[in-house]
Amino acid sequence: MAPLELLALFQERFNCRVESALPIKEHASSRRIYRLKAKDISVVGVVNRDLKENLAFINLAKFFASRGVRVPEILAVSHSQLSYLQSDLGDVTLLDKVLELQKSGSKDEIIELYRRALSDLARIQIEVGGVLDYSLCYPSQKYGEEGIRWDINYFKESFLSRVELDQDLSHLEEEFEKLISVLLEVGHTFFMYRDFQARNIMVHDNNLYYIDFDRGRRGALYYDLATLLYQGRVSFTVNDRLELESYYLKQVESRGVSIAAQFEDHYIYYVLLQLMHRLAAYGRLGIGLGMPYFLESIPFALSKAVESFITKNSTLCPALHERFPSLNQLFINLYNREQKKKLVKAKILEVKIKSFAFKNGIPDMRGGESNGGFVFDCRIIDNPGRDPNMALLTGRDIDIGDFLEGKSEYQSFKSHIISLVDAAVEKHLARGFVELVILFGCTGGRHRSVYTAETVARYLAFKYPLKVNLEHRELIDIF
């Protein structure tokens, strides 16, 4: 059930009670999002404890709407401003639409959808961004040197630090400094959406609507174009991209801005920067928190990087490998690592990991090859669910991970688990076993057990050539 504050806000706005409240899964956000319905009313309700993020989204949405940009309509905001209602734009994103069209081979329709999005993007960046009050933006009003450095450090700490590579990385720092200088050579006076990807564009009533712009700020034009055209799961040929980039440049020029002369020398480096930001997020959420969508996105992103612009044969930027040889080699090595993992996984050990609530009984481990395994009791760790602010969250939410990882007792608990599991996996691999079962239990099966199961799952998936089957028994009715 949705939080009481959200239900009360719905009743206050529509003078009737909510009849159904279904959670909408949000991939990377700590926001809790619900589809609320009553009679012929359907709206989206959002609960978010980050007040400044809420205000940025609400104020930007109202401003964009006043300028004719298609965004969700803000229908009501609670007195605390920690929850709000917005119009329901359905469930179909541009990414969903494009993946469906790719299966049917409808390339022309895909190109047309992207043309529409790029036309809207140029208008938002230049016309709307030109009259925007940037004090509305959060957490920063501008994406310049500080933002670029933040993204590079984010990539190093959240992705590179979590991957084992046989490469001397000492030369990277010099190249990162050179990259920053190149990126700062272009103007940073436009609205930068920051997350202009196909998952943040809704297809509703045959129109494109734009969401998740609350991290937007003043910045360079190139970043958003790179975000949209190099999304890992969308397949474009080099010529497709060149056509769409040319179309975008014309849209920009028609609004009085000419970047064609500097485009070829700078755009590819924003593609590289955006790729690093994306991999950093995948590292934190996928490798770090074990969220499957982001783990699965890593090979797509690396494949796109190597095949599109990192290799010497790239038609996009042949000089990239000469100007940044260490970065070039880094991404090739990352790509090759993923390819090797695919080959090794042909004959595989399957590790079955499940979280559960002790109050509902320990899952039956009998059957299968192992007929046993590990059961870890997470109840010895303080329960974040006792905090009212975290009671409605699950172990998949960032706040729960921060709570647990901040406790030394949990670090010790996790370390002992990893030692035992490492020994078991290595023995199973050496002896050719094909199954290992690992169970994590806590009181309600929603917080400690879920987070620990996700953490161990991503650790094993990234360290060993095996398949991880992850299940959260008590979350089946939630997601």
Protein backbone atom coordinates (compact mmCIF):
# COMPACT_ATOMS: atom_id res chain seq x y z
CA MET A 1 0.00 0.00 0.00
CA ALA A 2 1.19 3.52 -0.74
CA PRO A 3 2.28 5.81 2.14
CA LEU A 4 -0.57 7.49 4.05
CA GLU A 5 0.59 10.99 3.09
CA LEU A 6 0.17 10.10 -0.58
CA LEU A 7 -3.26 8.57 -0.05
CA ALA A 8 -4.36 11.67 1.87
CA LEU A 9 -3.07 13.95 -0.89
CA PHE A 10 -5.05 11.99 -3.49
CA GLN A 11 -8.23 12.25 -1.40
CA GLU A 12 -7.71 15.97 -0.85
CA ARG A 13 -7.14 16.59 -4.59
CA PHE A 14 -9.93 14.41 -6.00
CA ASN A 15 -12.36 14.23 -3.06
CA CYS A 16 -12.41 10.42 -3.12
CA ARG A 17 -10.37 7.57 -1.71
CA VAL A 18 -7.72 5.60 -3.57
CA GLU A 19 -9.13 2.27 -4.76
CA SER A 20 -5.82 0.77 -5.90
CA ALA A 21 -2.18 1.73 -5.41
CA LEU A 22 0.35 -0.27 -7.42
CA PRO A 23 4.09 0.41 -7.16
CA ILE A 24 5.89 1.42 -10.33
CA LYS A 25 9.40 0.02 -10.38
CA GLU A 26 12.02 2.76 -10.55
CA HIS A 27 15.40 1.49 -11.72
CA ALA A 28 17.90 3.86 -10.19
CA SER A 29 16.04 6.22 -7.91
CA SER A 30 15.30 6.19 -4.20
CA ARG A 31 11.88 7.65 -4.96
CA ARG A 32 8.83 5.49 -4.32
CA ILE A 33 6.41 5.75 -7.24
CA TYR A 34 2.83 4.47 -7.37
CA ARG A 35 -0.02 4.40 -9.83
CA LEU A 36 -3.07 5.53 -7.86
CA LYS A 37 -6.58 4.82 -9.18
CA ALA A 38 -10.15 5.54 -8.21
CA LYS A 39 -13.16 5.35 -10.55
CA ASP A 40 -11.98 6.91 -13.84
CA ILE A 41 -9.00 8.68 -12.24
CA SER A 42 -5.44 7.42 -12.73
CA VAL A 43 -2.45 9.44 -11.55
CA VAL A 44 1.14 8.83 -10.53
CA GLY A 45 2.11 9.50 -6.93
CA VAL A 46 5.70 10.08 -5.86
CA VAL A 47 7.26 9.98 -2.38
CA ASN A 48 10.80 11.25 -2.03
CA ARG A 49 12.62 12.29 1.14
CA ASP A 50 15.03 14.50 -0.85
CA LEU A 51 13.17 17.81 -0.55
CA LYS A 52 15.53 19.75 -2.84
CA GLU A 53 15.21 17.14 -5.59
CA ASN A 54 11.42 17.32 -5.31
CA LEU A 55 11.44 21.11 -5.59
CA ALA A 56 13.75 20.99 -8.61
CA PHE A 57 11.46 18.56 -10.43
CA ILE A 58 8.22 20.35 -9.49
CA ASN A 59 9.49 23.83 -10.38
CA LEU A 60 11.17 22.73 -13.61
CA ALA A 61 8.06 20.79 -14.64
CA LYS A 62 5.87 23.85 -14.13
CA PHE A 63 8.32 26.06 -16.02
CA PHE A 64 8.71 23.65 -18.93
CA ALA A 65 4.94 23.25 -19.18
CA SER A 66 4.54 27.04 -19.32
CA ARG A 67 6.91 27.02 -22.31
CA GLY A 68 5.02 24.29 -24.16
CA VAL A 69 7.35 21.38 -23.35
CA ARG A 70 5.48 18.11 -22.89
CA VAL A 71 6.17 17.03 -19.31
CA PRO A 72 4.02 15.43 -16.57
CA GLU A 73 1.47 17.86 -15.14
CA ILE A 74 1.93 18.53 -11.43
CA LEU A 75 -1.53 17.94 -9.95
CA ALA A 76 -0.92 18.34 -6.22
CA VAL A 77 1.96 18.74 -3.75
CA SER A 78 1.79 17.81 -0.06
CA HIS A 79 2.37 20.41 2.65
CA SER A 80 5.71 18.77 3.49
CA GLN A 81 6.64 18.78 -0.24
CA LEU A 82 7.92 15.23 0.23
CA SER A 83 5.17 13.76 -1.95
CA TYR A 84 3.28 14.91 -5.02
CA LEU A 85 0.84 13.77 -7.69
CA GLN A 86 1.44 14.04 -11.41
CA SER A 87 -0.41 13.05 -14.56
CA ASP A 88 -0.23 9.41 -15.63
CA LEU A 89 1.61 9.06 -18.95
CA GLY A 90 1.31 5.27 -19.09
CA ASP A 91 4.12 2.72 -19.13
CA VAL A 92 5.53 2.88 -22.67
CA THR A 93 8.92 4.57 -22.93
CA LEU A 94 10.74 5.49 -26.12
CA LEU A 95 13.14 2.63 -25.32
CA ASP A 96 10.22 0.16 -25.14
CA LYS A 97 8.88 1.45 -28.45
CA VAL A 98 12.25 1.30 -30.18
CA LEU A 99 13.06 -2.23 -28.99
CA GLU A 100 9.66 -3.34 -30.28
CA LEU A 101 10.26 -1.65 -33.65
CA GLN A 102 13.75 -3.17 -33.90
CA LYS A 103 12.21 -6.65 -33.75
CA SER A 104 9.88 -5.84 -36.63
CA GLY A 105 12.60 -4.13 -38.66
CA SER A 106 10.82 -0.77 -38.72
CA LYS A 107 13.97 1.35 -39.00
CA ASP A 108 12.28 4.38 -40.59
CA GLU A 109 9.84 4.67 -37.68
CA ILE A 110 12.72 4.54 -35.19
CA ILE A 111 14.62 7.28 -37.01
CA GLU A 112 11.50 9.45 -37.12
CA LEU A 113 10.93 9.04 -33.37
CA TYR A 114 14.52 10.05 -32.70
CA ARG A 115 14.21 13.05 -35.01
CA ARG A 116 11.20 14.21 -32.99
CA ALA A 117 13.13 13.76 -29.74
CA LEU A 118 16.17 15.62 -31.09
CA SER A 119 14.05 18.51 -32.31
CA ASP A 120 12.50 18.80 -28.84
CA LEU A 121 15.94 18.49 -27.25
CA ALA A 122 17.38 21.41 -29.26
CA ARG A 123 14.38 23.56 -28.32
CA ILE A 124 14.67 22.67 -24.61
CA GLN A 125 18.43 23.30 -24.56
CA ILE A 126 18.46 26.59 -26.46
CA GLU A 127 15.07 28.34 -26.44
CA VAL A 128 13.72 27.15 -23.10
CA GLY A 129 17.15 27.01 -21.48
CA GLY A 130 17.82 30.55 -22.64
CA VAL A 131 15.09 31.97 -20.37
CA LEU A 132 15.36 29.49 -17.49
CA ASP A 133 16.12 30.66 -13.97
CA TYR A 134 19.00 28.28 -13.18
CA SER A 135 18.61 28.82 -9.45
CA LEU A 136 15.82 26.22 -9.77
CA CYS A 137 18.41 23.55 -10.62
CA TYR A 138 19.72 20.95 -8.18
CA PRO A 139 22.28 19.93 -7.00
CA SER A 140 24.23 22.43 -9.10
CA GLN A 141 23.37 25.30 -11.42
CA LYS A 142 26.17 24.51 -13.89
CA TYR A 143 27.95 21.49 -15.32
CA GLY A 144 31.51 22.71 -15.88
CA GLU A 145 34.94 21.66 -14.65
CA GLU A 146 33.64 20.63 -11.22
CA GLY A 147 30.91 18.44 -12.73
CA ILE A 148 33.28 16.85 -15.24
CA ARG A 149 35.79 16.01 -12.50
CA TRP A 150 32.97 14.58 -10.40
CA ASP A 151 31.93 12.25 -13.26
CA ILE A 152 35.50 11.06 -13.86
CA ASN A 153 36.04 10.38 -10.14
CA TYR A 154 32.64 8.66 -10.03
CA PHE A 155 33.82 6.38 -12.85
CA LYS A 156 37.08 5.57 -11.07
CA GLU A 157 35.53 4.92 -7.66
CA SER A 158 32.26 3.21 -8.63
CA PHE A 159 33.37 1.19 -11.66
CA LEU A 160 37.13 0.85 -12.08
CA SER A 161 37.72 0.12 -8.39
CA ARG A 162 35.28 -2.81 -8.64
CA VAL A 163 36.86 -4.49 -11.69
CA GLU A 164 40.03 -6.55 -11.82
CA LEU A 165 42.15 -5.63 -14.85
CA ASP A 166 45.61 -6.67 -15.99
CA GLN A 167 46.64 -3.14 -17.01
CA ASP A 168 48.87 -0.41 -15.63
CA LEU A 169 46.45 2.46 -14.92
CA SER A 170 49.11 4.96 -13.81
CA HIS A 171 49.00 6.85 -17.12
CA LEU A 172 45.28 7.45 -16.92
CA GLU A 173 45.46 10.49 -14.61
CA GLU A 174 47.41 12.51 -17.17
CA GLU A 175 44.89 11.61 -19.85
CA PHE A 176 41.94 12.47 -17.60
CA GLU A 177 43.42 15.97 -17.11
CA LYS A 178 43.88 16.34 -20.87
CA LEU A 179 40.30 15.16 -21.42
CA ILE A 180 38.95 17.77 -18.99
CA SER A 181 40.76 20.53 -20.90
CA VAL A 182 39.28 19.38 -24.21
CA LEU A 183 35.76 19.17 -22.77
CA LEU A 184 35.98 22.72 -21.42
CA GLU A 185 36.85 24.19 -24.84
CA VAL A 186 33.16 24.39 -25.82
CA GLY A 187 30.42 26.67 -24.51
CA HIS A 188 28.55 25.68 -21.35
CA THR A 189 25.66 28.14 -21.63
CA PHE A 190 22.74 25.87 -22.54
CA PHE A 191 20.32 23.71 -20.58
CA MET A 192 21.84 20.26 -20.12
CA TYR A 193 19.11 17.73 -19.41
CA ARG A 194 21.76 15.42 -17.90
CA ASP A 195 19.78 12.17 -18.40
CA PHE A 196 18.25 12.51 -21.86
CA GLN A 197 17.91 8.80 -22.57
CA ALA A 198 15.14 6.78 -24.19
CA ARG A 199 13.97 5.41 -20.81
CA ASN A 200 13.19 8.98 -19.73
CA ILE A 201 10.99 9.73 -22.72
CA MET A 202 7.40 8.51 -22.56
CA VAL A 203 5.29 7.70 -25.63
CA HIS A 204 1.74 8.80 -24.80
CA ASP A 205 -1.13 9.58 -27.20
CA ASN A 206 1.40 9.42 -30.06
CA ASN A 207 3.42 12.24 -28.48
CA LEU A 208 6.77 12.26 -26.71
CA TYR A 209 6.80 13.40 -23.08
CA TYR A 210 9.90 14.11 -21.03
CA ILE A 211 10.56 12.99 -17.44
CA ASP A 212 13.49 12.81 -14.96
CA PHE A 213 14.93 16.22 -15.78
CA ASP A 214 15.35 17.21 -12.13
CA ARG A 215 19.17 16.95 -12.33
CA GLY A 216 19.34 19.33 -15.31
CA ARG A 217 21.57 22.42 -15.22
CA ARG A 218 23.51 24.82 -17.44
CA GLY A 219 26.08 22.99 -19.57
CA ALA A 220 27.29 21.99 -23.04
CA LEU A 221 24.99 20.83 -25.85
CA TYR A 222 26.90 17.64 -26.68
CA TYR A 223 26.30 15.64 -23.49
CA ASP A 224 22.56 15.05 -24.04
CA LEU A 225 23.04 14.08 -27.68
CA ALA A 226 25.64 11.50 -26.64
CA THR A 227 23.31 10.17 -23.93
CA LEU A 228 20.49 9.56 -26.40
CA LEU A 229 22.41 8.23 -29.40
CA TYR A 230 24.77 5.92 -27.53
CA GLN A 231 22.28 4.15 -25.29
CA GLY A 232 23.57 0.59 -25.04
CA ARG A 233 20.38 -1.33 -25.81
CA VAL A 234 19.47 0.58 -28.97
CA SER A 235 21.17 -0.59 -32.17
CA PHE A 236 22.22 2.13 -34.62
CA THR A 237 24.61 1.79 -37.53
CA VAL A 238 27.35 4.40 -37.88
CA ASN A 239 25.39 5.93 -40.76
CA ASP A 240 22.22 6.08 -38.65
CA ARG A 241 24.06 8.06 -36.01
CA LEU A 242 25.70 10.35 -38.54
CA GLU A 243 22.26 11.08 -40.04
CA LEU A 244 20.73 11.85 -36.64
CA GLU A 245 23.72 13.97 -35.58
CA SER A 246 23.42 15.96 -38.80
CA TYR A 247 19.70 16.44 -38.17
CA TYR A 248 20.40 17.66 -34.63
CA LEU A 249 23.02 20.14 -35.85
CA LYS A 250 20.46 21.60 -38.26
CA GLN A 251 17.93 21.91 -35.42
CA VAL A 252 20.54 23.72 -33.33
CA GLU A 253 21.53 26.00 -36.20
CA SER A 254 17.89 26.89 -36.93
CA ARG A 255 17.78 28.29 -33.38
CA GLY A 256 20.71 30.63 -33.99
CA VAL A 257 23.54 28.49 -32.63
CA SER A 258 26.32 27.16 -34.85
CA ILE A 259 28.53 24.37 -33.49
CA ALA A 260 29.25 22.51 -36.74
CA ALA A 261 32.88 23.74 -36.95
CA GLN A 262 33.82 22.40 -33.51
CA PHE A 263 31.45 19.42 -33.43
CA GLU A 264 33.76 16.79 -34.90
CA ASP A 265 36.67 17.73 -32.60
CA HIS A 266 34.68 17.74 -29.36
CA TYR A 267 31.53 15.65 -29.56
CA ILE A 268 33.29 12.28 -29.38
CA TYR A 269 34.89 13.26 -26.07
CA TYR A 270 31.47 13.99 -24.59
CA VAL A 271 30.43 10.53 -25.80
CA LEU A 272 33.42 9.18 -23.86
CA LEU A 273 32.53 11.21 -20.75
CA GLN A 274 28.90 10.12 -20.87
CA LEU A 275 29.98 6.49 -21.24
CA MET A 276 32.13 6.81 -18.10
CA HIS A 277 29.21 8.32 -16.18
CA ARG A 278 26.95 5.49 -17.34
CA LEU A 279 29.45 2.78 -16.38
CA ALA A 280 29.91 4.43 -12.98
CA ALA A 281 26.16 4.15 -12.36
CA TYR A 282 26.20 0.54 -13.55
CA GLY A 283 29.12 -0.14 -11.22
CA ARG A 284 27.42 1.35 -8.18
CA LEU A 285 23.95 -0.05 -8.79
CA GLY A 286 24.86 -3.25 -10.64
CA ILE A 287 28.17 -4.45 -9.24
CA GLY A 288 27.78 -2.63 -5.93
CA LEU A 289 24.12 -3.26 -5.14
CA GLY A 290 23.48 -6.28 -7.36
CA MET A 291 20.59 -4.73 -9.32
CA PRO A 292 20.18 -7.04 -12.35
CA TYR A 293 19.18 -4.39 -14.94
CA PHE A 294 22.43 -2.49 -14.41
CA LEU A 295 24.63 -5.59 -14.29
CA GLU A 296 23.15 -6.70 -17.60
CA SER A 297 23.73 -3.22 -19.09
CA ILE A 298 27.53 -3.29 -18.64
CA PRO A 299 28.33 -5.50 -21.67
CA PHE A 300 25.95 -3.45 -23.87
CA ALA A 301 27.71 -0.21 -22.94
CA LEU A 302 31.22 -1.60 -23.43
CA SER A 303 30.29 -3.20 -26.72
CA LYS A 304 28.92 0.13 -27.93
CA ALA A 305 32.11 1.90 -26.88
CA VAL A 306 34.54 -0.46 -28.57
CA GLU A 307 32.57 -1.07 -31.74
CA SER A 308 31.58 2.58 -32.26
CA PHE A 309 34.51 4.77 -31.36
CA ILE A 310 37.30 3.22 -29.31
CA THR A 311 39.02 0.92 -31.83
CA LYS A 312 41.54 2.12 -34.40
CA ASN A 313 39.16 1.31 -37.24
CA SER A 314 36.45 3.61 -35.94
CA THR A 315 34.96 5.82 -38.64
CA LEU A 316 33.81 8.28 -36.00
CA CYS A 317 37.11 9.40 -34.54
CA PRO A 318 40.26 7.69 -35.89
CA ALA A 319 42.52 9.97 -33.80
CA LEU A 320 41.01 9.06 -30.44
CA HIS A 321 43.37 6.14 -29.83
CA GLU A 322 46.36 8.36 -30.62
CA ARG A 323 45.32 11.23 -28.34
CA PHE A 324 44.21 9.04 -25.41
CA PRO A 325 46.01 5.69 -25.82
CA SER A 326 45.62 4.57 -22.19
CA LEU A 327 41.88 5.30 -22.14
CA ASN A 328 41.55 3.59 -25.49
CA GLN A 329 43.31 0.48 -24.17
CA LEU A 330 41.30 0.56 -20.95
CA PHE A 331 37.98 0.22 -22.75
CA ILE A 332 39.31 -2.45 -25.10
CA ASN A 333 40.49 -4.46 -22.07
CA LEU A 334 37.13 -4.00 -20.33
CA TYR A 335 35.35 -5.15 -23.47
CA ASN A 336 37.62 -8.20 -23.89
CA ARG A 337 37.01 -9.11 -20.24
CA GLU A 338 33.26 -9.23 -20.86
CA GLN A 339 33.75 -11.32 -24.00
CA LYS A 340 35.85 -13.88 -22.11
CA LYS A 341 33.18 -14.14 -19.42
CA LYS A 342 30.62 -15.01 -22.10
CA LEU A 343 32.78 -17.85 -23.43
CA VAL A 344 33.53 -19.31 -19.99
CA LYS A 345 29.87 -19.27 -18.97
CA ALA A 346 28.95 -21.85 -21.63
CA LYS A 347 29.43 -24.64 -19.02
CA ILE A 348 28.38 -23.20 -15.75
CA LEU A 349 27.87 -23.49 -12.02
CA GLU A 350 24.48 -22.10 -10.97
CA VAL A 351 24.35 -20.39 -7.58
CA LYS A 352 20.78 -20.09 -6.30
CA ILE A 353 20.45 -17.19 -3.87
CA LYS A 354 17.21 -16.44 -2.07
CA SER A 355 16.14 -13.97 0.62
CA PHE A 356 13.26 -14.83 2.96
CA ALA A 357 11.51 -14.04 6.25
CA PHE A 358 12.07 -16.51 9.11
CA LYS A 359 8.49 -15.89 10.25
CA ASN A 360 7.32 -17.52 7.00
CA GLY A 361 9.65 -20.49 7.30
CA ILE A 362 13.03 -21.39 5.81
CA PRO A 363 12.78 -22.28 2.09
CA ASP A 364 13.15 -25.97 1.31
CA MET A 365 16.68 -26.66 0.12
CA ARG A 366 16.07 -30.29 -0.80
CA GLY A 367 16.04 -31.28 -4.42
CA GLY A 368 18.44 -30.39 -7.18
CA GLU A 369 22.06 -31.51 -7.14
CA SER A 370 23.19 -29.86 -3.91
CA ASN A 371 20.34 -30.96 -1.62
CA GLY A 372 21.66 -28.37 0.84
CA GLY A 373 23.83 -25.27 1.13
CA PHE A 374 24.10 -22.23 3.40
CA VAL A 375 21.46 -20.47 5.52
CA PHE A 376 22.63 -17.11 6.90
CA ASP A 377 20.67 -15.37 9.66
CA CYS A 378 20.75 -11.58 9.10
CA ARG A 379 18.71 -10.86 12.23
CA ILE A 380 21.90 -10.30 14.23
CA ILE A 381 22.25 -6.97 12.39
CA ASP A 382 20.26 -3.86 13.44
CA ASN A 383 17.00 -3.69 11.48
CA PRO A 384 16.66 -0.55 9.30
CA GLY A 385 12.94 -1.34 8.97
CA ARG A 386 12.40 -0.03 12.50
CA ASP A 387 13.14 3.47 11.25
CA PRO A 388 9.80 4.93 9.97
CA ASN A 389 11.70 6.67 7.16
CA MET A 390 12.97 3.32 5.86
CA ALA A 391 10.11 1.01 6.78
CA LEU A 392 8.56 1.20 3.29
CA LEU A 393 11.88 0.70 1.52
CA THR A 394 13.51 -2.62 0.66
CA GLY A 395 17.05 -3.90 0.44
CA ARG A 396 17.07 -2.79 -3.19
CA ASP A 397 16.94 0.85 -2.13
CA ILE A 398 20.14 2.84 -1.76
CA ASP A 399 19.22 4.12 1.72
CA ILE A 400 19.13 0.58 3.11
CA GLY A 401 22.57 -0.18 1.67
CA ASP A 402 23.97 3.04 3.14
CA PHE A 403 22.47 2.16 6.55
CA LEU A 404 23.94 -1.34 6.63
CA GLU A 405 27.32 -0.55 5.09
CA GLY A 406 27.75 2.23 7.65
CA LYS A 407 27.82 -0.31 10.50
CA SER A 408 31.06 -2.10 11.39
CA GLU A 409 29.11 -5.13 12.62
CA TYR A 410 27.62 -5.53 9.16
CA GLN A 411 31.03 -5.19 7.48
CA SER A 412 32.34 -8.02 9.68
CA PHE A 413 29.21 -10.14 9.07
CA LYS A 414 29.52 -9.68 5.31
CA SER A 415 33.24 -10.42 5.35
CA HIS A 416 32.68 -13.78 7.08
CA ILE A 417 29.94 -14.67 4.59
CA ILE A 418 32.18 -13.82 1.62
CA SER A 419 34.99 -16.00 3.01
CA LEU A 420 32.69 -19.02 3.40
CA VAL A 421 31.00 -18.53 0.04
CA ASP A 422 34.35 -18.02 -1.74
CA ALA A 423 35.65 -21.33 -0.40
CA ALA A 424 32.45 -23.15 -1.40
CA VAL A 425 32.32 -21.69 -4.92
CA GLU A 426 35.98 -22.43 -5.61
CA LYS A 427 35.52 -26.04 -4.45
CA HIS A 428 32.34 -26.41 -6.55
CA LEU A 429 34.10 -25.06 -9.64
CA ALA A 430 37.15 -27.28 -9.09
CA ARG A 431 35.02 -30.41 -8.72
CA GLY A 432 32.62 -29.60 -11.56
CA PHE A 433 29.49 -29.23 -9.42
CA VAL A 434 26.63 -27.35 -11.08
CA GLU A 435 24.57 -26.06 -8.15
CA LEU A 436 25.05 -24.18 -4.87
CA VAL A 437 22.19 -22.85 -2.72
CA ILE A 438 22.61 -19.81 -0.43
CA LEU A 439 19.73 -18.47 1.69
CA PHE A 440 19.57 -15.18 3.58
CA GLY A 441 16.86 -14.68 6.19
CA CYS A 442 15.73 -11.81 8.41
CA THR A 443 12.57 -10.88 10.30
CA GLY A 444 10.42 -9.60 7.41
CA GLY A 445 12.51 -10.65 4.44
CA ARG A 446 12.50 -7.10 3.03
CA HIS A 447 15.60 -5.24 4.23
CA ARG A 448 18.72 -6.98 5.62
CA SER A 449 18.27 -10.30 3.83
CA VAL A 450 17.41 -8.65 0.51
CA TYR A 451 20.38 -6.29 0.56
CA THR A 452 22.83 -9.02 1.59
CA ALA A 453 21.50 -11.43 -1.05
CA GLU A 454 21.84 -8.73 -3.73
CA THR A 455 25.38 -7.87 -2.56
CA VAL A 456 26.60 -11.48 -2.56
CA ALA A 457 24.90 -12.11 -5.91
CA ARG A 458 26.68 -9.25 -7.65
CA TYR A 459 29.98 -10.18 -5.97
CA LEU A 460 29.80 -13.77 -7.27
CA ALA A 461 28.52 -12.78 -10.71
CA PHE A 462 31.44 -10.44 -11.21
CA LYS A 463 34.21 -12.57 -9.69
CA TYR A 464 33.46 -16.06 -10.99
CA PRO A 465 32.39 -17.68 -14.29
CA LEU A 466 28.98 -18.81 -13.04
CA LYS A 467 25.27 -18.11 -13.27
CA VAL A 468 23.45 -16.46 -10.38
CA ASN A 469 19.75 -17.13 -9.86
CA LEU A 470 18.49 -14.49 -7.40
CA GLU A 471 15.02 -14.52 -5.81
CA HIS A 472 13.41 -12.46 -3.05
CA ARG A 473 10.55 -14.57 -1.72
CA GLU A 474 8.84 -11.88 0.32
CA LEU A 475 9.05 -9.21 -2.41
CA ILE A 476 7.02 -11.12 -5.00
CA ASP A 477 3.88 -9.15 -4.11
CA ILE A 478 5.71 -5.83 -4.07
CA PHE A 479 7.45 -5.66 -7.45
